[in-house]
Amino acid sequence: MAQSFPSCNQEKWDNTSLFSSAQEFNDPVKLNVNTKLPSWFKGCLYRNGPGQFELNNNPDASVNHPFDGFACINKYDIDGEKNTIYFQSRFIKSRTYKESLKRGCLVTRQFATDPCKSLFGRFQLLFSPLNPETYSDNTVVTIQRVNNELLALTEIVVGYVIDEKTLETVAPLTSLPFTKPIPTEILTLTASHVMYDSKRKMTVSYATRISLLHGQWLDVLFISDDDMNHSSDNTKLNKTDKDEHNNSDDNDDDDENVDEGRFILIHNNMNKRGKRYNQLIRSNTKTFRYYYTDSASYMHSASISEDYLILSEIPSHFSLFNTIRTILTGDVVTNMFKWNPSLPTYFRIIRLDNGEEVARIAGPAFFTFHHINAYQINENNGNEIVIDMCTYDDNRIVDEFYLNKVRQNLFPSGFGYVRRFHLNLDTKQCSEPYKNLQQLPKGQQIAHPISHMNSLVPVQIEFPRINSRYIGQFYRYVYAVRGPPNYMMDALVKIDMQTRQICGFWQESCTSPCEPVFVPKPESAEEDDGIVLTIIFEQQTNKSFILLLDGITFKEITRAYLPAPIPFSLHGNFY
């Protein structure tokens, strides 16, 4: 019997203030906490997301898409023993941010906002190599620790080191392979969601490079915790090695996998504080080339199991024609990729021990932003990987997410659905154990019917999170934001993946929660024993508060109102 939960269909829904510009709080502000916090709960929640949509409060100088808003880092410093929560926020002082505010207009092309009004100017971009000095460095998606550094990341090839205490923008980093783009490069995308392999003590990531003359490449990165800071002499030596590796005669037409490549993050100093981070994080890189029968796919996230990295190469493929059209029309960057629903999704499986490709398994066509988790099982005398994802039948959500639409509640498709795939490494086959598990509701139009029918629970969700101790392992619980059509982000859900039921539900009238972050209780053996953190926006009062839920019961522990409303944020982590 299908579960039913409250709907917002009778409420007057207003997202306008959720996508309004925020203000900075450079100094910590103590919040009013009325309930006793668990004494063990101590640490900082860092969140990244768009904080400014207009330049200098000028509505005529506005971005077109939430992903184009200037990145703002919010920090919630929680001490359960002292029963205190302090709030702090700062904009990332990127080159794009500073120069755009100075000029009163955007100076670089963003995800869906192109400052170039001239058709000729846009046409010139087709023949200009990618230049890190002029490419957008608005790192608005995630904030994660890599080698004890707090990094603000996005899908483009630049990021920023953030001071964990003050939230100052310390230093930019460039994550381009071999530190600079190859000639005639059109686009380089990197993972904003890096993964941590606790078994091997390393960070795992990937990047896609696309060029006119040199093909399309996939780089898989392994950044070990053992990589230490280098002296200035070692830095110079590594730069020399890098320059030699960049010789065009050496690697322009190399069709083989690069066995011992390097992917180098360069921390360039911005200020005196940044000098402490003048370092190179070295990593091993495996490079794979897309041949003429294939094309690079849009990949926002990936998964790791105990022994494998699993990439989902969805049938949203890079298209030169779409790229030309996107540049000339100023369309969203993801529309450089052509949606091909007749083609399969390929799951590329790479061994974490050595970076070798184990299999590339064809599965059904779907669109996705976020993987949930993956783990290995031995079933039917074969080795299988179970992978859970939030999927859509197509990519229409990209176009539905424009600011002028979400501010008017024009979100007709809603979020995606949780689907599970089994990848057999022996037979190289993909199967869905819950295919056609759900029935389509009578008399109701479903935007993504295939994902609905094949879902574990027939509830539309996004921004899924789990207990981080269970990444790559068998697990049970998922925490996510519900988003039915035209009521984007209206509730929080806790999903039991074993019983395929919603076992926790939080909702209040006319409120919009953001991504929930689960913090496990130290030394607890229960997977859901911990605290769920999220930020809630109240539409009717135009206020925001931090909400703490009990991970087991999903009941409120406490809430603390912020000194100002906080706009929609994308991702966060607790450290």
Foldseek 3Di string as FASTA:
>chain_A
DADDDDDQVVPDFFQQLLLAADDFFQDWDKFDWDFQAPQLDFFKWKFKFAHHAFAPPDPVQGFWFRQQHAIKIKMWGDHRNVGITIIGMDTQPDPQNVVCNVVRHGQAFDQQGHRDPDLVVLLVLQQAFDDPVRHDARLGFEWDDFLNWTWRHDFAQKIFTADPPRRHGWFIKGFDFLRDADPQWNGKTWERDWDAQPVQQWIKIKMWTDGDQQAIKIKIKTFHNPQDFDDPVVVVVVNVVSVVCPDCVNPSHDQDKDQFGWGWIATDGDDPSNVVVRGIRIIGMIMHGDDPVAFAADFHDWAAANWKTKTKRAQFGQDPVQSSVCSSVSGGPSSSTHRDQVAWIWIFIATPVRRHTLATATDHHWDFNDWEAKAWDCDPNFIKMKTKGFTASTDCQVVCRTPVNVSVLQQAQKAGAIFMWIQTSVVSYIDGPQFQVDDDDPPDDHRGVRRCRRHLHNFGWDLKYFQSVQHNHDDFKIKTFTIHRSRGQFWIFIAGSVVSDTQAIDGDNNKHKARWEWDARPPDPDRQQTWIWIKMAHPVVQWIWIWIAGSPNRHTSIITTDPHHGHHTHDIYID
